[in-house]
């Protein structure tokens, strides 16, 4: 029954997108990715697709090359047409988890569609991480089922289901030691926080968090559409008309400013950055420029917002 559930999730996902002739599946050797690989091969072949497994060797653990080759072999045994091992260059920025994730996505890039084995449990953990960091609704909206080139067919499927699917298939998944290492925040969420919440709130917490993510994602996408329209009306990359922005709600203004700043080269924006730039519109008192990551500064002059490299002179209205 679990194998059928995973296959159904993959079939429904593929029916909802314009799938390319070749489907790629990221395979780690764990239960989630192996169950996904089998289901993709089963459903994809029926629909005329070829299926390729992509295994990333991060090189962070002793014996990682063998683990990667074993994962590729397991994927082939489960029916994929081809499996290849990709080497990742893991940096140091943002901590080990973030660095490994960035390297993994870089290694997996270059394909039209890559299916990832993120489950409902992963989505719940992502929402909790966003909540704990105070990152706002965009972070708490979790992972999108389809965020080209990434596809996540299993976001409504539990980790328990993928493990049961592997048992039904007679497959022994690889147990990543990092998934039991309490030095990693996500591991503690998985092993300590979510079980406690499930106990205190009488179950159903992971599913509830996933539903919350879906609701926030719908709201975020709707507001992003309105923000894109407002950005066009306000002027775009060569400065924004303050009078157009000032009459809009602050929450919508900040979405416009976020898109404008990111498109102009700003990086690693925080809520504090956005609120400081928004103050040039909503709480203008002749204040100076706002410095932003990426060696940029936002400033107001002649009724418009501007963005440039820092200047030695003081600007004003």
C-alpha atoms as a PDB file:
ATOM      1  CA  UNK A   1       0.000   0.000   0.000  1.00  0.00           C
ATOM      2  CA  UNK A   2       2.849   2.406   0.732  1.00  0.00           C
ATOM      3  CA  UNK A   3       4.464   1.773  -2.657  1.00  0.00           C
ATOM      4  CA  UNK A   4       1.124   2.563  -4.272  1.00  0.00           C
ATOM      5  CA  UNK A   5       0.813   5.771  -2.242  1.00  0.00           C
ATOM      6  CA  UNK A   6       4.222   7.014  -3.367  1.00  0.00           C
ATOM      7  CA  UNK A   7       3.489   6.101  -6.987  1.00  0.00           C
ATOM      8  CA  UNK A   8       0.165   7.930  -6.793  1.00  0.00           C
ATOM      9  CA  UNK A   9       1.875  11.065  -5.474  1.00  0.00           C
ATOM     10  CA  UNK A  10       4.374  10.977  -8.349  1.00  0.00           C
ATOM     11  CA  UNK A  11       1.673  10.375 -10.953  1.00  0.00           C
ATOM     12  CA  UNK A  12      -0.435  13.286  -9.667  1.00  0.00           C
ATOM     13  CA  UNK A  13       2.597  15.567  -9.664  1.00  0.00           C
ATOM     14  CA  UNK A  14       3.638  14.661 -13.202  1.00  0.00           C
ATOM     15  CA  UNK A  15       0.076  15.184 -14.417  1.00  0.00           C
ATOM     16  CA  UNK A  16       0.129  18.697 -12.925  1.00  0.00           C
ATOM     17  CA  UNK A  17       3.288  19.906 -14.713  1.00  0.00           C
ATOM     18  CA  UNK A  18       4.685  19.935 -18.228  1.00  0.00           C
ATOM     19  CA  UNK A  19       7.185  17.143 -17.721  1.00  0.00           C
ATOM     20  CA  UNK A  20      10.209  16.896 -20.059  1.00  0.00           C
ATOM     21  CA  UNK A  21      11.128  13.664 -21.857  1.00  0.00           C
ATOM     22  CA  UNK A  22      13.821  12.872 -19.254  1.00  0.00           C
ATOM     23  CA  UNK A  23      12.934  12.892 -15.570  1.00  0.00           C
ATOM     24  CA  UNK A  24      15.798  13.286 -13.124  1.00  0.00           C
ATOM     25  CA  UNK A  25      15.583  12.135  -9.508  1.00  0.00           C
ATOM     26  CA  UNK A  26      17.990  13.229  -6.787  1.00  0.00           C
ATOM     27  CA  UNK A  27      18.965  10.082  -4.892  1.00  0.00           C
ATOM     28  CA  UNK A  28      20.853  10.012  -1.614  1.00  0.00           C
ATOM     29  CA  UNK A  29      20.285   6.367  -0.783  1.00  0.00           C
ATOM     30  CA  UNK A  30      17.830   7.217   1.987  1.00  0.00           C
ATOM     31  CA  UNK A  31      14.266   5.948   2.128  1.00  0.00           C
ATOM     32  CA  UNK A  32      12.640   9.097   0.734  1.00  0.00           C
ATOM     33  CA  UNK A  33      14.768   9.287  -2.397  1.00  0.00           C
ATOM     34  CA  UNK A  34      14.773   5.541  -3.095  1.00  0.00           C
ATOM     35  CA  UNK A  35      10.993   5.328  -2.821  1.00  0.00           C
ATOM     36  CA  UNK A  36      10.759   8.357  -5.109  1.00  0.00           C
ATOM     37  CA  UNK A  37      13.170   6.826  -7.639  1.00  0.00           C
ATOM     38  CA  UNK A  38      11.162   3.599  -7.852  1.00  0.00           C
ATOM     39  CA  UNK A  39       7.868   5.440  -8.215  1.00  0.00           C
ATOM     40  CA  UNK A  40       9.257   7.805 -10.852  1.00  0.00           C
ATOM     41  CA  UNK A  41      10.646   4.909 -12.870  1.00  0.00           C
ATOM     42  CA  UNK A  42       7.361   3.013 -12.600  1.00  0.00           C
ATOM     43  CA  UNK A  43       5.114   5.950 -13.502  1.00  0.00           C
ATOM     44  CA  UNK A  44       7.543   7.683 -15.843  1.00  0.00           C
ATOM     45  CA  UNK A  45       8.122   4.666 -18.052  1.00  0.00           C
ATOM     46  CA  UNK A  46       4.389   4.179 -18.485  1.00  0.00           C
ATOM     47  CA  UNK A  47       4.138   7.787 -19.676  1.00  0.00           C
ATOM     48  CA  UNK A  48       7.062   7.422 -22.087  1.00  0.00           C
ATOM     49  CA  UNK A  49       9.742   9.200 -20.067  1.00  0.00           C
ATOM     50  CA  UNK A  50      13.293   8.114 -19.432  1.00  0.00           C
ATOM     51  CA  UNK A  51      14.408   8.368 -15.809  1.00  0.00           C
ATOM     52  CA  UNK A  52      17.873   9.310 -14.567  1.00  0.00           C
ATOM     53  CA  UNK A  53      19.069   9.169 -10.956  1.00  0.00           C
ATOM     54  CA  UNK A  54      21.471  11.880  -9.806  1.00  0.00           C
ATOM     55  CA  UNK A  55      23.554  11.057  -6.738  1.00  0.00           C
ATOM     56  CA  UNK A  56      25.558  13.848  -5.115  1.00  0.00           C
ATOM     57  CA  UNK A  57      28.781  12.977  -3.314  1.00  0.00           C
ATOM     58  CA  UNK A  58      29.462  15.845  -0.906  1.00  0.00           C
ATOM     59  CA  UNK A  59      32.757  14.324   0.183  1.00  0.00           C
ATOM     60  CA  UNK A  60      32.054  15.276   3.801  1.00  0.00           C
ATOM     61  CA  UNK A  61      32.210  11.807   5.333  1.00  0.00           C
ATOM     62  CA  UNK A  62      34.700   8.980   5.134  1.00  0.00           C
ATOM     63  CA  UNK A  63      33.548   6.466   2.557  1.00  0.00           C
ATOM     64  CA  UNK A  64      31.188   8.943   0.863  1.00  0.00           C
ATOM     65  CA  UNK A  65      32.237   7.779  -2.601  1.00  0.00           C
ATOM     66  CA  UNK A  66      31.138   4.212  -1.844  1.00  0.00           C
ATOM     67  CA  UNK A  67      27.864   5.446  -0.328  1.00  0.00           C
ATOM     68  CA  UNK A  68      27.189   7.386  -3.515  1.00  0.00           C
ATOM     69  CA  UNK A  69      27.989   4.422  -5.772  1.00  0.00           C
ATOM     70  CA  UNK A  70      25.767   2.163  -3.646  1.00  0.00           C
ATOM     71  CA  UNK A  71      22.919   4.677  -3.947  1.00  0.00           C
ATOM     72  CA  UNK A  72      23.341   4.763  -7.715  1.00  0.00           C
ATOM     73  CA  UNK A  73      23.304   0.954  -7.845  1.00  0.00           C
ATOM     74  CA  UNK A  74      20.171   0.827  -5.689  1.00  0.00           C
ATOM     75  CA  UNK A  75      18.428   3.294  -8.003  1.00  0.00           C
ATOM     76  CA  UNK A  76      19.339   1.190 -11.041  1.00  0.00           C
ATOM     77  CA  UNK A  77      17.950  -1.896  -9.319  1.00  0.00           C
ATOM     78  CA  UNK A  78      14.707  -0.008  -8.729  1.00  0.00           C
ATOM     79  CA  UNK A  79      14.259   0.603 -12.449  1.00  0.00           C
ATOM     80  CA  UNK A  80      15.829   3.912 -13.430  1.00  0.00           C
ATOM     81  CA  UNK A  81      17.392   3.974 -16.890  1.00  0.00           C
ATOM     82  CA  UNK A  82      20.663   5.534 -15.753  1.00  0.00           C
ATOM     83  CA  UNK A  83      22.341   6.727 -12.575  1.00  0.00           C
ATOM     84  CA  UNK A  84      25.330   9.013 -12.203  1.00  0.00           C
ATOM     85  CA  UNK A  85      27.371  10.298  -9.287  1.00  0.00           C
ATOM     86  CA  UNK A  86      28.036  14.035  -9.140  1.00  0.00           C
ATOM     87  CA  UNK A  87      30.850  15.560  -7.095  1.00  0.00           C
ATOM     88  CA  UNK A  88      29.932  18.606  -4.998  1.00  0.00           C
ATOM     89  CA  UNK A  89      32.290  21.318  -3.832  1.00  0.00           C
ATOM     90  CA  UNK A  90      31.073  22.269  -0.355  1.00  0.00           C
ATOM     91  CA  UNK A  91      32.071  25.707   0.897  1.00  0.00           C
ATOM     92  CA  UNK A  92      31.965  27.073   4.413  1.00  0.00           C
ATOM     93  CA  UNK A  93      29.560  30.010   4.221  1.00  0.00           C
ATOM     94  CA  UNK A  94      26.371  29.937   6.289  1.00  0.00           C
ATOM     95  CA  UNK A  95      27.225  26.861   8.350  1.00  0.00           C
ATOM     96  CA  UNK A  96      27.641  23.205   7.325  1.00  0.00           C
ATOM     97  CA  UNK A  97      23.964  22.509   6.601  1.00  0.00           C
ATOM     98  CA  UNK A  98      23.498  25.560   4.387  1.00  0.00           C
ATOM     99  CA  UNK A  99      26.844  25.032   2.632  1.00  0.00           C
ATOM    100  CA  UNK A 100      26.058  21.397   1.831  1.00  0.00           C
ATOM    101  CA  UNK A 101      22.578  22.309   0.595  1.00  0.00           C
ATOM    102  CA  UNK A 102      23.956  25.047  -1.679  1.00  0.00           C
ATOM    103  CA  UNK A 103      26.589  22.705  -3.095  1.00  0.00           C
ATOM    104  CA  UNK A 104      23.994  19.979  -3.647  1.00  0.00           C
ATOM    105  CA  UNK A 105      21.660  22.248  -5.606  1.00  0.00           C
ATOM    106  CA  UNK A 106      24.552  23.523  -7.725  1.00  0.00           C
ATOM    107  CA  UNK A 107      25.591  19.967  -8.542  1.00  0.00           C
ATOM    108  CA  UNK A 108      22.024  18.974  -9.463  1.00  0.00           C
ATOM    109  CA  UNK A 109      21.439  21.981 -11.716  1.00  0.00           C
ATOM    110  CA  UNK A 110      21.341  22.004 -15.484  1.00  0.00           C
ATOM    111  CA  UNK A 111      18.300  19.760 -15.979  1.00  0.00           C
ATOM    112  CA  UNK A 112      14.752  20.671 -16.969  1.00  0.00           C
ATOM    113  CA  UNK A 113      13.177  18.853 -14.026  1.00  0.00           C
ATOM    114  CA  UNK A 114      14.812  17.310 -10.971  1.00  0.00           C
ATOM    115  CA  UNK A 115      12.569  15.516  -8.503  1.00  0.00           C
ATOM    116  CA  UNK A 116      13.511  15.814  -4.836  1.00  0.00           C
ATOM    117  CA  UNK A 117      12.414  13.488  -2.044  1.00  0.00           C
ATOM    118  CA  UNK A 118      11.209  16.110   0.440  1.00  0.00           C
ATOM    119  CA  UNK A 119       8.274  14.791   2.444  1.00  0.00           C
ATOM    120  CA  UNK A 120       5.493  16.251   4.571  1.00  0.00           C
ATOM    121  CA  UNK A 121       7.801  15.882   7.581  1.00  0.00           C
ATOM    122  CA  UNK A 122      10.509  17.925   5.855  1.00  0.00           C
ATOM    123  CA  UNK A 123       7.935  20.603   5.092  1.00  0.00           C
ATOM    124  CA  UNK A 124       6.891  20.747   8.746  1.00  0.00           C
ATOM    125  CA  UNK A 125      10.513  21.128   9.830  1.00  0.00           C
ATOM    126  CA  UNK A 126      11.021  23.928   7.299  1.00  0.00           C
ATOM    127  CA  UNK A 127       8.007  25.821   8.646  1.00  0.00           C
ATOM    128  CA  UNK A 128       9.281  25.497  12.206  1.00  0.00           C
ATOM    129  CA  UNK A 129      12.725  26.732  11.175  1.00  0.00           C
ATOM    130  CA  UNK A 130      11.168  29.772   9.518  1.00  0.00           C
ATOM    131  CA  UNK A 131       9.001  30.443  12.545  1.00  0.00           C
ATOM    132  CA  UNK A 132      11.922  30.183  14.936  1.00  0.00           C
ATOM    133  CA  UNK A 133      14.026  32.579  12.886  1.00  0.00           C
ATOM    134  CA  UNK A 134      11.272  35.172  12.584  1.00  0.00           C
ATOM    135  CA  UNK A 135      11.750  35.069   8.822  1.00  0.00           C
ATOM    136  CA  UNK A 136       8.179  36.028   7.958  1.00  0.00           C
ATOM    137  CA  UNK A 137       5.494  34.362   5.848  1.00  0.00           C
ATOM    138  CA  UNK A 138       7.737  33.808   2.828  1.00  0.00           C
ATOM    139  CA  UNK A 139      10.019  31.506   4.816  1.00  0.00           C
ATOM    140  CA  UNK A 140       7.151  29.869   6.669  1.00  0.00           C
ATOM    141  CA  UNK A 141       5.385  29.100   3.404  1.00  0.00           C
ATOM    142  CA  UNK A 142       7.850  26.261   3.036  1.00  0.00           C
ATOM    143  CA  UNK A 143       8.893  24.472  -0.132  1.00  0.00           C
ATOM    144  CA  UNK A 144       6.901  24.690  -3.347  1.00  0.00           C
ATOM    145  CA  UNK A 145       5.801  21.429  -4.991  1.00  0.00           C
ATOM    146  CA  UNK A 146       7.051  22.798  -8.317  1.00  0.00           C
ATOM    147  CA  UNK A 147       9.770  25.434  -8.304  1.00  0.00           C
ATOM    148  CA  UNK A 148      11.490  24.885 -11.670  1.00  0.00           C
ATOM    149  CA  UNK A 149      13.681  23.020 -12.160  1.00  0.00           C
ATOM    150  CA  UNK A 150      12.871  21.429  -8.800  1.00  0.00           C
ATOM    151  CA  UNK A 151       9.885  19.162  -8.270  1.00  0.00           C
ATOM    152  CA  UNK A 152       8.739  17.794  -4.916  1.00  0.00           C
ATOM    153  CA  UNK A 153       6.028  15.165  -5.466  1.00  0.00           C
ATOM    154  CA  UNK A 154       6.098  13.867  -1.874  1.00  0.00           C
ATOM    155  CA  UNK A 155       5.269  17.007   0.114  1.00  0.00           C
ATOM    156  CA  UNK A 156       1.948  15.457   1.143  1.00  0.00           C
ATOM    157  CA  UNK A 157       3.545  12.047   1.834  1.00  0.00           C
ATOM    158  CA  UNK A 158       4.975  11.180   5.238  1.00  0.00           C
ATOM    159  CA  UNK A 159       8.469   9.894   5.929  1.00  0.00           C
ATOM    160  CA  UNK A 160       6.837   6.849   7.516  1.00  0.00           C
ATOM    161  CA  UNK A 161       5.214   6.056   4.168  1.00  0.00           C
ATOM    162  CA  UNK A 162       8.493   6.183   2.253  1.00  0.00           C
ATOM    163  CA  UNK A 163      10.158   3.922   4.804  1.00  0.00           C
ATOM    164  CA  UNK A 164       7.278   1.461   4.557  1.00  0.00           C
ATOM    165  CA  UNK A 165       7.501   1.611   0.760  1.00  0.00           C
ATOM    166  CA  UNK A 166      11.170   0.616   0.887  1.00  0.00           C
ATOM    167  CA  UNK A 167      10.288  -2.263   3.200  1.00  0.00           C
ATOM    168  CA  UNK A 168       7.636  -3.431   0.724  1.00  0.00           C
ATOM    169  CA  UNK A 169      10.196  -3.226  -2.077  1.00  0.00           C
ATOM    170  CA  UNK A 170      12.745  -5.190  -0.054  1.00  0.00           C
ATOM    171  CA  UNK A 171      15.189  -2.270  -0.091  1.00  0.00           C
ATOM    172  CA  UNK A 172      17.458  -1.372   2.820  1.00  0.00           C
ATOM    173  CA  UNK A 173      17.919   2.424   2.779  1.00  0.00           C
ATOM    174  CA  UNK A 174      21.174   4.075   3.796  1.00  0.00           C
ATOM    175  CA  UNK A 175      21.074   5.798   7.181  1.00  0.00           C
ATOM    176  CA  UNK A 176      22.978   9.081   6.965  1.00  0.00           C
ATOM    177  CA  UNK A 177      24.847   9.620  10.275  1.00  0.00           C
ATOM    178  CA  UNK A 178      24.286  13.367   9.905  1.00  0.00           C
ATOM    179  CA  UNK A 179      20.548  12.741  10.252  1.00  0.00           C
ATOM    180  CA  UNK A 180      21.137  11.638  13.845  1.00  0.00           C
ATOM    181  CA  UNK A 181      23.703  14.286  14.774  1.00  0.00           C
ATOM    182  CA  UNK A 182      22.210  16.716  17.349  1.00  0.00           C
ATOM    183  CA  UNK A 183      24.686  19.420  16.307  1.00  0.00           C
ATOM    184  CA  UNK A 184      22.347  20.130  13.393  1.00  0.00           C
ATOM    185  CA  UNK A 185      19.262  22.213  14.133  1.00  0.00           C
ATOM    186  CA  UNK A 186      17.014  20.267  11.789  1.00  0.00           C
ATOM    187  CA  UNK A 187      17.981  16.996  13.475  1.00  0.00           C
ATOM    188  CA  UNK A 188      16.913  18.324  16.866  1.00  0.00           C
ATOM    189  CA  UNK A 189      13.651  19.577  15.397  1.00  0.00           C
ATOM    190  CA  UNK A 190      13.041  16.110  13.966  1.00  0.00           C
ATOM    191  CA  UNK A 191      14.091  14.130  17.026  1.00  0.00           C
ATOM    192  CA  UNK A 192      12.999  16.388  19.881  1.00  0.00           C
ATOM    193  CA  UNK A 193      10.733  19.300  18.973  1.00  0.00           C
ATOM    194  CA  UNK A 194       8.235  17.731  16.595  1.00  0.00           C
ATOM    195  CA  UNK A 195       7.697  14.590  18.725  1.00  0.00           C
ATOM    196  CA  UNK A 196       7.078  16.834  21.750  1.00  0.00           C
ATOM    197  CA  UNK A 197       4.595  18.969  19.817  1.00  0.00           C
ATOM    198  CA  UNK A 198       2.846  15.848  18.539  1.00  0.00           C
ATOM    199  CA  UNK A 199       2.540  14.626  22.125  1.00  0.00           C
ATOM    200  CA  UNK A 200       1.392  17.926  23.657  1.00  0.00           C
ATOM    201  CA  UNK A 201      -1.066  18.751  20.850  1.00  0.00           C
ATOM    202  CA  UNK A 202      -2.393  15.210  20.468  1.00  0.00           C
ATOM    203  CA  UNK A 203      -0.968  14.483  17.041  1.00  0.00           C
ATOM    204  CA  UNK A 204      -1.399  15.851  13.567  1.00  0.00           C
ATOM    205  CA  UNK A 205       1.133  18.641  14.011  1.00  0.00           C
ATOM    206  CA  UNK A 206       3.284  17.862  10.968  1.00  0.00           C
ATOM    207  CA  UNK A 207       0.224  17.782   8.707  1.00  0.00           C
ATOM    208  CA  UNK A 208      -1.094  20.995  10.258  1.00  0.00           C
ATOM    209  CA  UNK A 209       2.217  22.760   9.675  1.00  0.00           C
ATOM    210  CA  UNK A 210       2.231  21.578   6.060  1.00  0.00           C
ATOM    211  CA  UNK A 211      -1.304  22.944   5.591  1.00  0.00           C
ATOM    212  CA  UNK A 212      -0.202  26.229   7.116  1.00  0.00           C
ATOM    213  CA  UNK A 213       2.685  26.355   4.650  1.00  0.00           C
ATOM    214  CA  UNK A 214       0.311  25.799   1.731  1.00  0.00           C
ATOM    215  CA  UNK A 215      -2.017  28.566   2.921  1.00  0.00           C
ATOM    216  CA  UNK A 216       0.834  31.017   3.425  1.00  0.00           C
ATOM    217  CA  UNK A 217       2.283  30.106   0.033  1.00  0.00           C
ATOM    218  CA  UNK A 218      -1.016  30.901  -1.674  1.00  0.00           C
ATOM    219  CA  UNK A 219      -1.225  34.240   0.144  1.00  0.00           C
ATOM    220  CA  UNK A 220       2.408  35.029  -0.669  1.00  0.00           C
ATOM    221  CA  UNK A 221       1.962  34.269  -4.354  1.00  0.00           C
ATOM    222  CA  UNK A 222      -1.155  36.464  -4.521  1.00  0.00           C
ATOM    223  CA  UNK A 223       0.627  39.359  -2.821  1.00  0.00           C
ATOM    224  CA  UNK A 224       3.667  38.882  -5.061  1.00  0.00           C
ATOM    225  CA  UNK A 225       1.408  39.282  -8.094  1.00  0.00           C
ATOM    226  CA  UNK A 226       0.023  42.553  -6.705  1.00  0.00           C
ATOM    227  CA  UNK A 227       3.550  43.690  -5.835  1.00  0.00           C
ATOM    228  CA  UNK A 228       4.753  43.042  -9.394  1.00  0.00           C
ATOM    229  CA  UNK A 229       1.956  45.213 -10.750  1.00  0.00           C
ATOM    230  CA  UNK A 230       2.760  47.967  -8.252  1.00  0.00           C
ATOM    231  CA  UNK A 231       6.466  47.812  -9.109  1.00  0.00           C
ATOM    232  CA  UNK A 232       5.619  48.411 -12.750  1.00  0.00           C
ATOM    233  CA  UNK A 233       3.453  51.402 -11.863  1.00  0.00           C
ATOM    234  CA  UNK A 234       6.059  52.841  -9.504  1.00  0.00           C
ATOM    235  CA  UNK A 235       8.807  52.913 -12.098  1.00  0.00           C
ATOM    236  CA  UNK A 236      11.030  49.834 -12.046  1.00  0.00           C
ATOM    237  CA  UNK A 237      14.821  49.585 -11.941  1.00  0.00           C
ATOM    238  CA  UNK A 238      15.651  53.269 -12.547  1.00  0.00           C
ATOM    239  CA  UNK A 239      14.094  54.542  -9.349  1.00  0.00           C
ATOM    240  CA  UNK A 240      10.661  54.279  -7.764  1.00  0.00           C
ATOM    241  CA  UNK A 241       8.028  57.010  -7.564  1.00  0.00           C
ATOM    242  CA  UNK A 242       7.383  57.641  -3.852  1.00  0.00           C
ATOM    243  CA  UNK A 243       3.873  59.032  -4.383  1.00  0.00           C
ATOM    244  CA  UNK A 244       2.773  55.757  -6.004  1.00  0.00           C
ATOM    245  CA  UNK A 245       4.161  53.663  -3.161  1.00  0.00           C
ATOM    246  CA  UNK A 246       3.070  55.886  -0.284  1.00  0.00           C
ATOM    247  CA  UNK A 247      -0.658  55.252  -0.723  1.00  0.00           C
ATOM    248  CA  UNK A 248      -0.263  51.471  -0.567  1.00  0.00           C
ATOM    249  CA  UNK A 249      -0.183  49.276   2.587  1.00  0.00           C
ATOM    250  CA  UNK A 250       3.278  48.957   4.099  1.00  0.00           C
ATOM    251  CA  UNK A 251       3.273  45.165   3.704  1.00  0.00           C
ATOM    252  CA  UNK A 252       2.713  45.483  -0.044  1.00  0.00           C
ATOM    253  CA  UNK A 253       5.295  48.275  -0.314  1.00  0.00           C
ATOM    254  CA  UNK A 254       7.934  46.110   1.320  1.00  0.00           C
ATOM    255  CA  UNK A 255       7.300  43.323  -1.173  1.00  0.00           C
ATOM    256  CA  UNK A 256       7.830  45.823  -3.983  1.00  0.00           C
ATOM    257  CA  UNK A 257      11.005  47.084  -2.356  1.00  0.00           C
ATOM    258  CA  UNK A 258      12.302  43.552  -1.813  1.00  0.00           C
ATOM    259  CA  UNK A 259      11.852  42.675  -5.492  1.00  0.00           C
ATOM    260  CA  UNK A 260      13.371  45.982  -6.626  1.00  0.00           C
ATOM    261  CA  UNK A 261      16.391  45.609  -4.357  1.00  0.00           C
ATOM    262  CA  UNK A 262      17.057  41.978  -5.264  1.00  0.00           C
ATOM    263  CA  UNK A 263      16.724  42.698  -8.985  1.00  0.00           C
ATOM    264  CA  UNK A 264      19.214  45.549  -8.542  1.00  0.00           C
ATOM    265  CA  UNK A 265      21.890  43.395  -6.904  1.00  0.00           C
ATOM    266  CA  UNK A 266      21.167  43.596  -3.168  1.00  0.00           C
ATOM    267  CA  UNK A 267      21.815  40.336  -1.304  1.00  0.00           C
ATOM    268  CA  UNK A 268      20.901  38.708   2.015  1.00  0.00           C
ATOM    269  CA  UNK A 269      18.164  41.200   2.800  1.00  0.00           C
ATOM    270  CA  UNK A 270      16.669  41.084   6.283  1.00  0.00           C
ATOM    271  CA  UNK A 271      13.399  42.444   7.590  1.00  0.00           C
ATOM    272  CA  UNK A 272      15.357  45.286   9.198  1.00  0.00           C
ATOM    273  CA  UNK A 273      16.826  46.264   5.816  1.00  0.00           C
ATOM    274  CA  UNK A 274      13.399  46.328   4.187  1.00  0.00           C
ATOM    275  CA  UNK A 275      11.841  48.345   6.992  1.00  0.00           C
ATOM    276  CA  UNK A 276      14.657  50.885   6.857  1.00  0.00           C
ATOM    277  CA  UNK A 277      14.175  51.376   3.113  1.00  0.00           C
ATOM    278  CA  UNK A 278      10.412  51.493   3.568  1.00  0.00           C
ATOM    279  CA  UNK A 279      10.896  54.288   6.103  1.00  0.00           C
ATOM    280  CA  UNK A 280      12.159  56.424   3.213  1.00  0.00           C
ATOM    281  CA  UNK A 281       8.598  56.197   1.920  1.00  0.00           C
ATOM    282  CA  UNK A 282       6.310  55.842   4.931  1.00  0.00           C
ATOM    283  CA  UNK A 283       8.302  57.735   7.599  1.00  0.00           C
ATOM    284  CA  UNK A 284      10.292  60.242   5.604  1.00  0.00           C
ATOM    285  CA  UNK A 285      12.010  62.839   7.810  1.00  0.00           C
ATOM    286  CA  UNK A 286      14.874  63.812   5.529  1.00  0.00           C
ATOM    287  CA  UNK A 287      16.999  60.889   6.741  1.00  0.00           C
ATOM    288  CA  UNK A 288      20.103  59.760   4.913  1.00  0.00           C
ATOM    289  CA  UNK A 289      20.740  56.744   2.745  1.00  0.00           C
ATOM    290  CA  UNK A 290      20.248  53.144   3.877  1.00  0.00           C
ATOM    291  CA  UNK A 291      23.225  50.829   3.381  1.00  0.00           C
ATOM    292  CA  UNK A 292      22.408  47.376   2.010  1.00  0.00           C
ATOM    293  CA  UNK A 293      24.389  44.131   1.552  1.00  0.00           C
ATOM    294  CA  UNK A 294      25.952  44.062  -1.879  1.00  0.00           C
ATOM    295  CA  UNK A 295      27.660  47.408  -1.293  1.00  0.00           C
ATOM    296  CA  UNK A 296      24.571  49.381  -2.250  1.00  0.00           C
ATOM    297  CA  UNK A 297      22.582  52.148  -0.636  1.00  0.00           C
ATOM    298  CA  UNK A 298      19.001  53.242  -1.113  1.00  0.00           C
ATOM    299  CA  UNK A 299      18.207  56.943  -0.890  1.00  0.00           C
ATOM    300  CA  UNK A 300      15.412  59.382  -1.636  1.00  0.00           C
ATOM    301  CA  UNK A 301      15.653  62.482  -3.812  1.00  0.00           C
ATOM    302  CA  UNK A 302      13.160  64.491  -5.876  1.00  0.00           C
ATOM    303  CA  UNK A 303      10.241  62.299  -4.895  1.00  0.00           C
ATOM    304  CA  UNK A 304      11.870  59.021  -5.968  1.00  0.00           C
ATOM    305  CA  UNK A 305      13.820  56.184  -4.400  1.00  0.00           C
ATOM    306  CA  UNK A 306      17.218  55.453  -5.898  1.00  0.00           C
ATOM    307  CA  UNK A 307      19.778  52.698  -5.498  1.00  0.00           C
ATOM    308  CA  UNK A 308      23.510  53.032  -6.142  1.00  0.00           C
ATOM    309  CA  UNK A 309      26.965  52.356  -4.790  1.00  0.00           C
ATOM    310  CA  UNK A 310      27.674  54.401  -1.629  1.00  0.00           C
ATOM    311  CA  UNK A 311      28.552  58.045  -2.330  1.00  0.00           C
ATOM    312  CA  UNK A 312      30.639  60.392  -0.153  1.00  0.00           C
ATOM    313  CA  UNK A 313      28.106  63.204  -0.295  1.00  0.00           C
ATOM    314  CA  UNK A 314      24.898  63.483   1.690  1.00  0.00           C
ATOM    315  CA  UNK A 315      21.729  63.214  -0.335  1.00  0.00           C
ATOM    316  CA  UNK A 316      18.311  64.553   0.480  1.00  0.00           C
ATOM    317  CA  UNK A 317      14.858  65.396  -0.869  1.00  0.00           C
END
